[in-house]
Full PDB file with SEQRES, HELIX, SHEET, SSBOND, CRYST1, ORIGX, SCALE, CONECT and MASTER records, all heavy atoms in Angstrom:
SEQRES   1 A   36  GLU THR GLY ALA ASP VAL VAL PHE ASP ARG LEU GLU GLY          
SEQRES   2 A   36  PRO PHE LEU ASP GLY VAL ARG ALA GLU THR GLU GLY ARG          
SEQRES   3 A   36  GLY VAL ASP LEU VAL LEU ASP SER VAL GLY                      
HELIX    1 AA1 ARG A   10  GLU A   12  5                                   3    
HELIX    2 AA2 PHE A   15  GLU A   22  1                                   8    
CRYST1    1.000    1.000    1.000  90.00  90.00  90.00 P 1           1          
ORIGX1      1.000000  0.000000  0.000000        0.00000                         
ORIGX2      0.000000  1.000000  0.000000        0.00000                         
ORIGX3      0.000000  0.000000  1.000000        0.00000                         
SCALE1      1.000000  0.000000  0.000000        0.00000                         
SCALE2      0.000000  1.000000  0.000000        0.00000                         
SCALE3      0.000000  0.000000  1.000000        0.00000                         
ATOM      1  N   GLU A   1       0.817  -1.209   0.000  1.00  0.00           N  
ATOM      2  CA  GLU A   1       0.000   0.000   0.000  1.00  0.00           C  
ATOM      3  C   GLU A   1       0.853   1.263   0.000  1.00  0.00           C  
ATOM      4  O   GLU A   1       0.448   2.292  -0.540  1.00  0.00           O  
ATOM      5  CB  GLU A   1      -0.929   0.000   1.215  1.00  0.00           C  
ATOM      6  CG  GLU A   1      -2.032  -1.048   1.156  1.00  0.00           C  
ATOM      7  CD  GLU A   1      -2.890  -1.048   2.407  1.00  0.00           C  
ATOM      8  OE1 GLU A   1      -2.515  -0.362   3.392  1.00  0.00           O  
ATOM      9  OE2 GLU A   1      -3.935  -1.729   2.408  1.00  0.00           O  
ATOM     10  N   THR A   2       2.039   1.188   0.602  1.00  0.00           N  
ATOM     11  CA  THR A   2       2.943   2.343   0.639  1.00  0.00           C  
ATOM     12  C   THR A   2       3.544   2.624  -0.728  1.00  0.00           C  
ATOM     13  O   THR A   2       3.995   3.742  -0.997  1.00  0.00           O  
ATOM     14  CB  THR A   2       4.056   2.099   1.682  1.00  0.00           C  
ATOM     15  OG1 THR A   2       3.447   1.836   2.949  1.00  0.00           O  
ATOM     16  CG2 THR A   2       4.969   3.307   1.823  1.00  0.00           C  
ATOM     17  N   GLY A   3       3.573   1.620  -1.616  1.00  0.00           N  
ATOM     18  CA  GLY A   3       4.068   1.847  -2.964  1.00  0.00           C  
ATOM     19  C   GLY A   3       5.024   0.811  -3.503  1.00  0.00           C  
ATOM     20  O   GLY A   3       5.478   0.920  -4.646  1.00  0.00           O  
ATOM     21  N   ALA A   4       5.361  -0.210  -2.711  1.00  0.00           N  
ATOM     22  CA  ALA A   4       6.271  -1.243  -3.200  1.00  0.00           C  
ATOM     23  C   ALA A   4       5.602  -2.061  -4.303  1.00  0.00           C  
ATOM     24  O   ALA A   4       4.439  -2.439  -4.195  1.00  0.00           O  
ATOM     25  CB  ALA A   4       6.692  -2.150  -2.050  1.00  0.00           C  
ATOM     26  N   ASP A   5       6.361  -2.322  -5.368  1.00  0.00           N  
ATOM     27  CA  ASP A   5       5.827  -3.115  -6.478  1.00  0.00           C  
ATOM     28  C   ASP A   5       5.770  -4.598  -6.127  1.00  0.00           C  
ATOM     29  O   ASP A   5       4.831  -5.299  -6.511  1.00  0.00           O  
ATOM     30  CB  ASP A   5       6.708  -2.913  -7.718  1.00  0.00           C  
ATOM     31  CG  ASP A   5       6.684  -1.478  -8.207  1.00  0.00           C  
ATOM     32  OD1 ASP A   5       5.652  -1.060  -8.770  1.00  0.00           O  
ATOM     33  OD2 ASP A   5       7.687  -0.764  -8.012  1.00  0.00           O  
ATOM     34  N   VAL A   6       6.791  -5.069  -5.417  1.00  0.00           N  
ATOM     35  CA  VAL A   6       6.866  -6.469  -5.011  1.00  0.00           C  
ATOM     36  C   VAL A   6       7.351  -6.502  -3.566  1.00  0.00           C  
ATOM     37  O   VAL A   6       8.279  -5.769  -3.205  1.00  0.00           O  
ATOM     38  CB  VAL A   6       7.849  -7.268  -5.902  1.00  0.00           C  
ATOM     39  CG1 VAL A   6       7.905  -8.725  -5.444  1.00  0.00           C  
ATOM     40  CG2 VAL A   6       7.454  -7.173  -7.364  1.00  0.00           C  
ATOM     41  N   VAL A   7       6.741  -7.333  -2.726  1.00  0.00           N  
ATOM     42  CA  VAL A   7       7.164  -7.443  -1.331  1.00  0.00           C  
ATOM     43  C   VAL A   7       7.390  -8.910  -0.995  1.00  0.00           C  
ATOM     44  O   VAL A   7       6.532  -9.762  -1.259  1.00  0.00           O  
ATOM     45  CB  VAL A   7       6.115  -6.852  -0.362  1.00  0.00           C  
ATOM     46  CG1 VAL A   7       6.674  -6.858   1.060  1.00  0.00           C  
ATOM     47  CG2 VAL A   7       5.733  -5.439  -0.766  1.00  0.00           C  
ATOM     48  N   PHE A   8       8.544  -9.202  -0.410  1.00  0.00           N  
ATOM     49  CA  PHE A   8       8.882 -10.554   0.017  1.00  0.00           C  
ATOM     50  C   PHE A   8       8.737 -10.649   1.535  1.00  0.00           C  
ATOM     51  O   PHE A   8       9.193  -9.764   2.265  1.00  0.00           O  
ATOM     52  CB  PHE A   8      10.319 -10.909  -0.383  1.00  0.00           C  
ATOM     53  CG  PHE A   8      10.604 -10.719  -1.842  1.00  0.00           C  
ATOM     54  CD1 PHE A   8      11.364  -9.646  -2.275  1.00  0.00           C  
ATOM     55  CD2 PHE A   8      10.093 -11.598  -2.786  1.00  0.00           C  
ATOM     56  CE1 PHE A   8      11.636  -9.452  -3.622  1.00  0.00           C  
ATOM     57  CE2 PHE A   8      10.349 -11.418  -4.142  1.00  0.00           C  
ATOM     58  CZ  PHE A   8      11.115 -10.339  -4.565  1.00  0.00           C  
ATOM     59  N   ASP A   9       8.127 -11.726   1.996  1.00  0.00           N  
ATOM     60  CA  ASP A   9       7.990 -11.977   3.424  1.00  0.00           C  
ATOM     61  C   ASP A   9       9.183 -12.809   3.873  1.00  0.00           C  
ATOM     62  O   ASP A   9       9.297 -13.986   3.514  1.00  0.00           O  
ATOM     63  CB  ASP A   9       6.684 -12.721   3.707  1.00  0.00           C  
ATOM     64  CG  ASP A   9       6.377 -12.841   5.193  1.00  0.00           C  
ATOM     65  OD1 ASP A   9       7.308 -12.675   6.013  1.00  0.00           O  
ATOM     66  OD2 ASP A   9       5.214 -13.106   5.533  1.00  0.00           O  
ATOM     67  N   ARG A  10      10.074 -12.222   4.654  1.00  0.00           N  
ATOM     68  CA  ARG A  10      11.298 -12.930   5.052  1.00  0.00           C  
ATOM     69  C   ARG A  10      11.000 -14.130   5.943  1.00  0.00           C  
ATOM     70  O   ARG A  10      11.836 -15.033   6.087  1.00  0.00           O  
ATOM     71  CB  ARG A  10      12.264 -11.979   5.759  1.00  0.00           C  
ATOM     72  CG  ARG A  10      11.795 -11.458   7.105  1.00  0.00           C  
ATOM     73  CD  ARG A  10      12.863 -10.595   7.768  1.00  0.00           C  
ATOM     74  NE  ARG A  10      12.435 -10.066   9.056  1.00  0.00           N  
ATOM     75  CZ  ARG A  10      12.444 -10.751  10.187  1.00  0.00           C  
ATOM     76  NH1 ARG A  10      12.881 -12.009  10.181  1.00  0.00           N  
ATOM     77  NH2 ARG A  10      12.057 -10.205  11.320  1.00  0.00           N  
ATOM     78  N   LEU A  11       9.805 -14.174   6.532  1.00  0.00           N  
ATOM     79  CA  LEU A  11       9.437 -15.307   7.377  1.00  0.00           C  
ATOM     80  C   LEU A  11       9.123 -16.553   6.545  1.00  0.00           C  
ATOM     81  O   LEU A  11       9.069 -17.665   7.073  1.00  0.00           O  
ATOM     82  CB  LEU A  11       8.227 -14.955   8.251  1.00  0.00           C  
ATOM     83  CG  LEU A  11       8.401 -13.764   9.205  1.00  0.00           C  
ATOM     84  CD1 LEU A  11       7.130 -13.559  10.019  1.00  0.00           C  
ATOM     85  CD2 LEU A  11       9.603 -13.970  10.127  1.00  0.00           C  
ATOM     86  N   GLU A  12       8.924 -16.361   5.252  1.00  0.00           N  
ATOM     87  CA  GLU A  12       8.594 -17.480   4.376  1.00  0.00           C  
ATOM     88  C   GLU A  12       9.818 -18.090   3.709  1.00  0.00           C  
ATOM     89  O   GLU A  12       9.701 -19.052   2.943  1.00  0.00           O  
ATOM     90  CB  GLU A  12       7.592 -17.031   3.316  1.00  0.00           C  
ATOM     91  CG  GLU A  12       6.239 -16.613   3.892  1.00  0.00           C  
ATOM     92  CD  GLU A  12       5.248 -16.224   2.824  1.00  0.00           C  
ATOM     93  OE1 GLU A  12       5.648 -16.141   1.640  1.00  0.00           O  
ATOM     94  OE2 GLU A  12       4.074 -16.003   3.157  1.00  0.00           O  
ATOM     95  N   GLY A  13      11.001 -17.526   3.977  1.00  0.00           N  
ATOM     96  CA  GLY A  13      12.221 -18.076   3.394  1.00  0.00           C  
ATOM     97  C   GLY A  13      13.111 -16.988   2.839  1.00  0.00           C  
ATOM     98  O   GLY A  13      12.776 -15.793   2.891  1.00  0.00           O  
ATOM     99  N   PRO A  14      14.290 -17.368   2.292  1.00  0.00           N  
ATOM    100  CA  PRO A  14      15.252 -16.392   1.765  1.00  0.00           C  
ATOM    101  C   PRO A  14      14.641 -15.531   0.660  1.00  0.00           C  
ATOM    102  O   PRO A  14      14.049 -16.062  -0.286  1.00  0.00           O  
ATOM    103  CB  PRO A  14      16.381 -17.271   1.219  1.00  0.00           C  
ATOM    104  CG  PRO A  14      16.258 -18.565   1.960  1.00  0.00           C  
ATOM    105  CD  PRO A  14      14.783 -18.752   2.181  1.00  0.00           C  
ATOM    106  N   PHE A  15      14.782 -14.210   0.801  1.00  0.00           N  
ATOM    107  CA  PHE A  15      14.241 -13.324  -0.231  1.00  0.00           C  
ATOM    108  C   PHE A  15      15.112 -13.306  -1.478  1.00  0.00           C  
ATOM    109  O   PHE A  15      14.687 -12.847  -2.533  1.00  0.00           O  
ATOM    110  CB  PHE A  15      14.048 -11.905   0.308  1.00  0.00           C  
ATOM    111  CG  PHE A  15      15.286 -11.266   0.876  1.00  0.00           C  
ATOM    112  CD1 PHE A  15      16.214 -10.650   0.045  1.00  0.00           C  
ATOM    113  CD2 PHE A  15      15.505 -11.254   2.244  1.00  0.00           C  
ATOM    114  CE1 PHE A  15      17.347 -10.043   0.574  1.00  0.00           C  
ATOM    115  CE2 PHE A  15      16.627 -10.655   2.783  1.00  0.00           C  
ATOM    116  CZ  PHE A  15      17.561 -10.039   1.945  1.00  0.00           C  
ATOM    117  N   LEU A  16      16.338 -13.814  -1.387  1.00  0.00           N  
ATOM    118  CA  LEU A  16      17.230 -13.866  -2.542  1.00  0.00           C  
ATOM    119  C   LEU A  16      16.586 -14.620  -3.697  1.00  0.00           C  
ATOM    120  O   LEU A  16      16.666 -14.190  -4.861  1.00  0.00           O  
ATOM    121  CB  LEU A  16      18.551 -14.521  -2.140  1.00  0.00           C  
ATOM    122  CG  LEU A  16      19.547 -14.830  -3.261  1.00  0.00           C  
ATOM    123  CD1 LEU A  16      19.941 -13.564  -4.001  1.00  0.00           C  
ATOM    124  CD2 LEU A  16      20.778 -15.537  -2.697  1.00  0.00           C  
ATOM    125  N   ASP A  17      15.935 -15.742  -3.386  1.00  0.00           N  
ATOM    126  CA  ASP A  17      15.289 -16.530  -4.436  1.00  0.00           C  
ATOM    127  C   ASP A  17      14.195 -15.730  -5.124  1.00  0.00           C  
ATOM    128  O   ASP A  17      14.043 -15.769  -6.356  1.00  0.00           O  
ATOM    129  CB  ASP A  17      14.691 -17.809  -3.837  1.00  0.00           C  
ATOM    130  CG  ASP A  17      15.749 -18.731  -3.249  1.00  0.00           C  
ATOM    131  OD1 ASP A  17      16.918 -18.633  -3.679  1.00  0.00           O  
ATOM    132  OD2 ASP A  17      15.405 -19.518  -2.349  1.00  0.00           O  
ATOM    133  N   GLY A  18      13.425 -14.973  -4.322  1.00  0.00           N  
ATOM    134  CA  GLY A  18      12.360 -14.163  -4.896  1.00  0.00           C  
ATOM    135  C   GLY A  18      12.896 -13.052  -5.775  1.00  0.00           C  
ATOM    136  O   GLY A  18      12.328 -12.764  -6.846  1.00  0.00           O  
ATOM    137  N   VAL A  19      13.978 -12.419  -5.358  1.00  0.00           N  
ATOM    138  CA  VAL A  19      14.580 -11.343  -6.148  1.00  0.00           C  
ATOM    139  C   VAL A  19      15.091 -11.889  -7.477  1.00  0.00           C  
ATOM    140  O   VAL A  19      14.888 -11.285  -8.542  1.00  0.00           O  
ATOM    141  CB  VAL A  19      15.723 -10.664  -5.367  1.00  0.00           C  
ATOM    142  CG1 VAL A  19      16.496  -9.689  -6.260  1.00  0.00           C  
ATOM    143  CG2 VAL A  19      15.169  -9.923  -4.152  1.00  0.00           C  
ATOM    144  N   ARG A  20      15.754 -13.018  -7.432  1.00  0.00           N  
ATOM    145  CA  ARG A  20      16.275 -13.618  -8.672  1.00  0.00           C  
ATOM    146  C   ARG A  20      15.140 -13.963  -9.626  1.00  0.00           C  
ATOM    147  O   ARG A  20      15.245 -13.732 -10.841  1.00  0.00           O  
ATOM    148  CB  ARG A  20      17.095 -14.856  -8.339  1.00  0.00           C  
ATOM    149  CG  ARG A  20      18.477 -14.530  -7.774  1.00  0.00           C  
ATOM    150  CD  ARG A  20      19.204 -15.792  -7.349  1.00  0.00           C  
ATOM    151  NE  ARG A  20      20.604 -15.512  -7.028  1.00  0.00           N  
ATOM    152  CZ  ARG A  20      21.415 -16.356  -6.399  1.00  0.00           C  
ATOM    153  NH1 ARG A  20      20.954 -17.552  -6.016  1.00  0.00           N  
ATOM    154  NH2 ARG A  20      22.665 -16.017  -6.149  1.00  0.00           N  
ATOM    155  N   ALA A  21      14.054 -14.523  -9.084  1.00  0.00           N  
ATOM    156  CA  ALA A  21      12.922 -14.877  -9.938  1.00  0.00           C  
ATOM    157  C   ALA A  21      12.263 -13.629 -10.519  1.00  0.00           C  
ATOM    158  O   ALA A  21      11.920 -13.587 -11.713  1.00  0.00           O  
ATOM    159  CB  ALA A  21      11.903 -15.685  -9.137  1.00  0.00           C  
ATOM    160  N   GLU A  22      12.088 -12.604  -9.677  1.00  0.00           N  
ATOM    161  CA  GLU A  22      11.409 -11.380 -10.108  1.00  0.00           C  
ATOM    162  C   GLU A  22      12.215 -10.618 -11.154  1.00  0.00           C  
ATOM    163  O   GLU A  22      11.639  -9.932 -12.001  1.00  0.00           O  
ATOM    164  CB  GLU A  22      11.154 -10.491  -8.887  1.00  0.00           C  
ATOM    165  CG  GLU A  22      10.288  -9.289  -9.153  1.00  0.00           C  
ATOM    166  CD  GLU A  22       8.872  -9.651  -9.559  1.00  0.00           C  
ATOM    167  OE1 GLU A  22       8.356 -10.690  -9.080  1.00  0.00           O  
ATOM    168  OE2 GLU A  22       8.277  -8.900 -10.362  1.00  0.00           O  
ATOM    169  N   THR A  23      13.541 -10.711 -11.095  1.00  0.00           N  
ATOM    170  CA  THR A  23      14.413  -9.968 -12.040  1.00  0.00           C  
ATOM    171  C   THR A  23      14.978 -10.865 -13.125  1.00  0.00           C  
ATOM    172  O   THR A  23      15.892 -10.467 -13.851  1.00  0.00           O  
ATOM    173  CB  THR A  23      15.576  -9.296 -11.282  1.00  0.00           C  
ATOM    174  OG1 THR A  23      16.383 -10.310 -10.648  1.00  0.00           O  
ATOM    175  CG2 THR A  23      15.067  -8.323 -10.236  1.00  0.00           C  
ATOM    176  N   GLU A  24      14.434 -12.094 -13.219  1.00  0.00           N  
ATOM    177  CA  GLU A  24      14.882 -13.069 -14.221  1.00  0.00           C  
ATOM    178  C   GLU A  24      16.389 -13.300 -14.136  1.00  0.00           C  
ATOM    179  O   GLU A  24      17.085 -13.406 -15.154  1.00  0.00           O  
ATOM    180  CB  GLU A  24      14.474 -12.608 -15.626  1.00  0.00           C  
ATOM    181  CG  GLU A  24      12.958 -12.492 -15.788  1.00  0.00           C  
ATOM    182  CD  GLU A  24      12.546 -12.066 -17.181  1.00  0.00           C  
ATOM    183  OE1 GLU A  24      13.401 -11.532 -17.912  1.00  0.00           O  
ATOM    184  OE2 GLU A  24      11.373 -12.268 -17.532  1.00  0.00           O  
ATOM    185  N   GLY A  25      16.888 -13.361 -12.901  1.00  0.00           N  
ATOM    186  CA  GLY A  25      18.284 -13.676 -12.665  1.00  0.00           C  
ATOM    187  C   GLY A  25      19.234 -12.503 -12.721  1.00  0.00           C  
ATOM    188  O   GLY A  25      20.415 -12.640 -12.370  1.00  0.00           O  
ATOM    189  N   ARG A  26      18.763 -11.337 -13.133  1.00  0.00           N  
ATOM    190  CA  ARG A  26      19.645 -10.174 -13.292  1.00  0.00           C  
ATOM    191  C   ARG A  26      20.074  -9.589 -11.955  1.00  0.00           C  
ATOM    192  O   ARG A  26      21.219  -9.201 -11.767  1.00  0.00           O  
ATOM    193  CB  ARG A  26      18.937  -9.094 -14.118  1.00  0.00           C  
ATOM    194  CG  ARG A  26      19.751  -7.801 -14.275  1.00  0.00           C  
ATOM    195  CD  ARG A  26      18.936  -6.742 -15.007  1.00  0.00           C  
ATOM    196  NE  ARG A  26      19.701  -5.512 -15.196  1.00  0.00           N  
ATOM    197  CZ  ARG A  26      19.834  -4.543 -14.298  1.00  0.00           C  
ATOM    198  NH1 ARG A  26      19.245  -4.683 -13.097  1.00  0.00           N  
ATOM    199  NH2 ARG A  26      20.536  -3.468 -14.553  1.00  0.00           N  
ATOM    200  N   GLY A  27      19.149  -9.471 -11.021  1.00  0.00           N  
ATOM    201  CA  GLY A  27      19.416  -8.780  -9.775  1.00  0.00           C  
ATOM    202  C   GLY A  27      18.981  -7.331  -9.849  1.00  0.00           C  
ATOM    203  O   GLY A  27      18.601  -6.821 -10.918  1.00  0.00           O  
ATOM    204  N   VAL A  28      19.024  -6.646  -8.721  1.00  0.00           N  
ATOM    205  CA  VAL A  28      18.596  -5.241  -8.658  1.00  0.00           C  
ATOM    206  C   VAL A  28      19.803  -4.311  -8.772  1.00  0.00           C  
ATOM    207  O   VAL A  28      20.940  -4.685  -8.507  1.00  0.00           O  
ATOM    208  CB  VAL A  28      17.846  -4.947  -7.335  1.00  0.00           C  
ATOM    209  CG1 VAL A  28      16.545  -5.734  -7.273  1.00  0.00           C  
ATOM    210  CG2 VAL A  28      18.716  -5.232  -6.120  1.00  0.00           C  
ATOM    211  N   ASP A  29      19.528  -3.069  -9.176  1.00  0.00           N  
ATOM    212  CA  ASP A  29      20.601  -2.084  -9.329  1.00  0.00           C  
ATOM    213  C   ASP A  29      21.102  -1.565  -7.988  1.00  0.00           C  
ATOM    214  O   ASP A  29      22.285  -1.233  -7.847  1.00  0.00           O  
ATOM    215  CB  ASP A  29      20.097  -0.898 -10.172  1.00  0.00           C  
ATOM    216  CG  ASP A  29      19.663  -1.324 -11.557  1.00  0.00           C  
ATOM    217  OD1 ASP A  29      20.543  -1.690 -12.350  1.00  0.00           O  
ATOM    218  OD2 ASP A  29      18.447  -1.326 -11.824  1.00  0.00           O  
ATOM    219  N   LEU A  30      20.190  -1.469  -7.025  1.00  0.00           N  
ATOM    220  CA  LEU A  30      20.538  -0.873  -5.737  1.00  0.00           C  
ATOM    221  C   LEU A  30      19.845  -1.617  -4.609  1.00  0.00           C  
ATOM    222  O   LEU A  30      18.669  -1.975  -4.725  1.00  0.00           O  
ATOM    223  CB  LEU A  30      20.106   0.604  -5.727  1.00  0.00           C  
ATOM    224  CG  LEU A  30      20.278   1.408  -4.438  1.00  0.00           C  
ATOM    225  CD1 LEU A  30      21.744   1.549  -4.073  1.00  0.00           C  
ATOM    226  CD2 LEU A  30      19.644   2.798  -4.592  1.00  0.00           C  
ATOM    227  N   VAL A  31      20.570  -1.852  -3.519  1.00  0.00           N  
ATOM    228  CA  VAL A  31      19.982  -2.379  -2.280  1.00  0.00           C  
ATOM    229  C   VAL A  31      20.148  -1.322  -1.200  1.00  0.00           C  
ATOM    230  O   VAL A  31      21.248  -0.789  -1.007  1.00  0.00           O  
ATOM    231  CB  VAL A  31      20.653  -3.686  -1.820  1.00  0.00           C  
ATOM    232  CG1 VAL A  31      20.154  -4.071  -0.427  1.00  0.00           C  
ATOM    233  CG2 VAL A  31      20.388  -4.818  -2.806  1.00  0.00           C  
ATOM    234  N   LEU A  32      19.065  -1.009  -0.513  1.00  0.00           N  
ATOM    235  CA  LEU A  32      19.104  -0.090   0.628  1.00  0.00           C  
ATOM    236  C   LEU A  32      18.825  -0.927   1.867  1.00  0.00           C  
ATOM    237  O   LEU A  32      17.721  -1.443   2.042  1.00  0.00           O  
ATOM    238  CB  LEU A  32      18.052   1.007   0.463  1.00  0.00           C  
ATOM    239  CG  LEU A  32      18.084   2.131   1.503  1.00  0.00           C  
ATOM    240  CD1 LEU A  32      19.393   2.906   1.423  1.00  0.00           C  
ATOM    241  CD2 LEU A  32      16.903   3.073   1.301  1.00  0.00           C  
ATOM    242  N   ASP A  33      19.838  -1.050   2.732  1.00  0.00           N  
ATOM    243  CA  ASP A  33      19.730  -1.987   3.851  1.00  0.00           C  
ATOM    244  C   ASP A  33      19.954  -1.309   5.194  1.00  0.00           C  
ATOM    245  O   ASP A  33      20.877  -0.512   5.363  1.00  0.00           O  
ATOM    246  CB  ASP A  33      20.759  -3.108   3.691  1.00  0.00           C  
ATOM    247  CG  ASP A  33      20.683  -4.100   4.842  1.00  0.00           C  
ATOM    248  OD1 ASP A  33      19.598  -4.677   5.045  1.00  0.00           O  
ATOM    249  OD2 ASP A  33      21.693  -4.275   5.547  1.00  0.00           O  
ATOM    250  N   SER A  34      19.112  -1.659   6.160  1.00  0.00           N  
ATOM    251  CA  SER A  34      19.277  -1.201   7.534  1.00  0.00           C  
ATOM    252  C   SER A  34      19.340  -2.364   8.503  1.00  0.00           C  
ATOM    253  O   SER A  34      19.548  -2.176   9.697  1.00  0.00           O  
ATOM    254  CB  SER A  34      18.101  -0.296   7.929  1.00  0.00           C  
ATOM    255  OG  SER A  34      16.889  -1.043   7.904  1.00  0.00           O  
ATOM    256  N   VAL A  35      19.155  -3.576   8.006  1.00  0.00           N  
ATOM    257  CA  VAL A  35      19.065  -4.746   8.865  1.00  0.00           C  
ATOM    258  C   VAL A  35      20.454  -5.222   9.294  1.00  0.00           C  
ATOM    259  O   VAL A  35      20.675  -5.612  10.432  1.00  0.00           O  
ATOM    260  CB  VAL A  35      18.285  -5.873   8.157  1.00  0.00           C  
ATOM    261  CG1 VAL A  35      18.233  -7.120   9.021  1.00  0.00           C  
ATOM    262  CG2 VAL A  35      16.872  -5.392   7.826  1.00  0.00           C  
ATOM    263  N   GLY A  36      21.415  -5.200   8.363  1.00  0.00           N  
ATOM    264  CA  GLY A  36      22.785  -5.538   8.716  1.00  0.00           C  
ATOM    265  C   GLY A  36      23.081  -7.018   8.667  1.00  0.00           C  
ATOM    266  O   GLY A  36      22.803  -7.704   7.682  1.00  0.00           O  
TER     267      GLY A  36                                                      
MASTER        0    0    0    2    0    0    0    6  266    1    0    3          
END                                                                             
């Protein structure tokens, strides 16, 4: 609702797999991380 196009629930497993599937293996241009 805030505006994200795709949201992964980290409680359901590694989000890396979802990112790879969503970007057809390319990956994203930028990661903004605060979790560490």
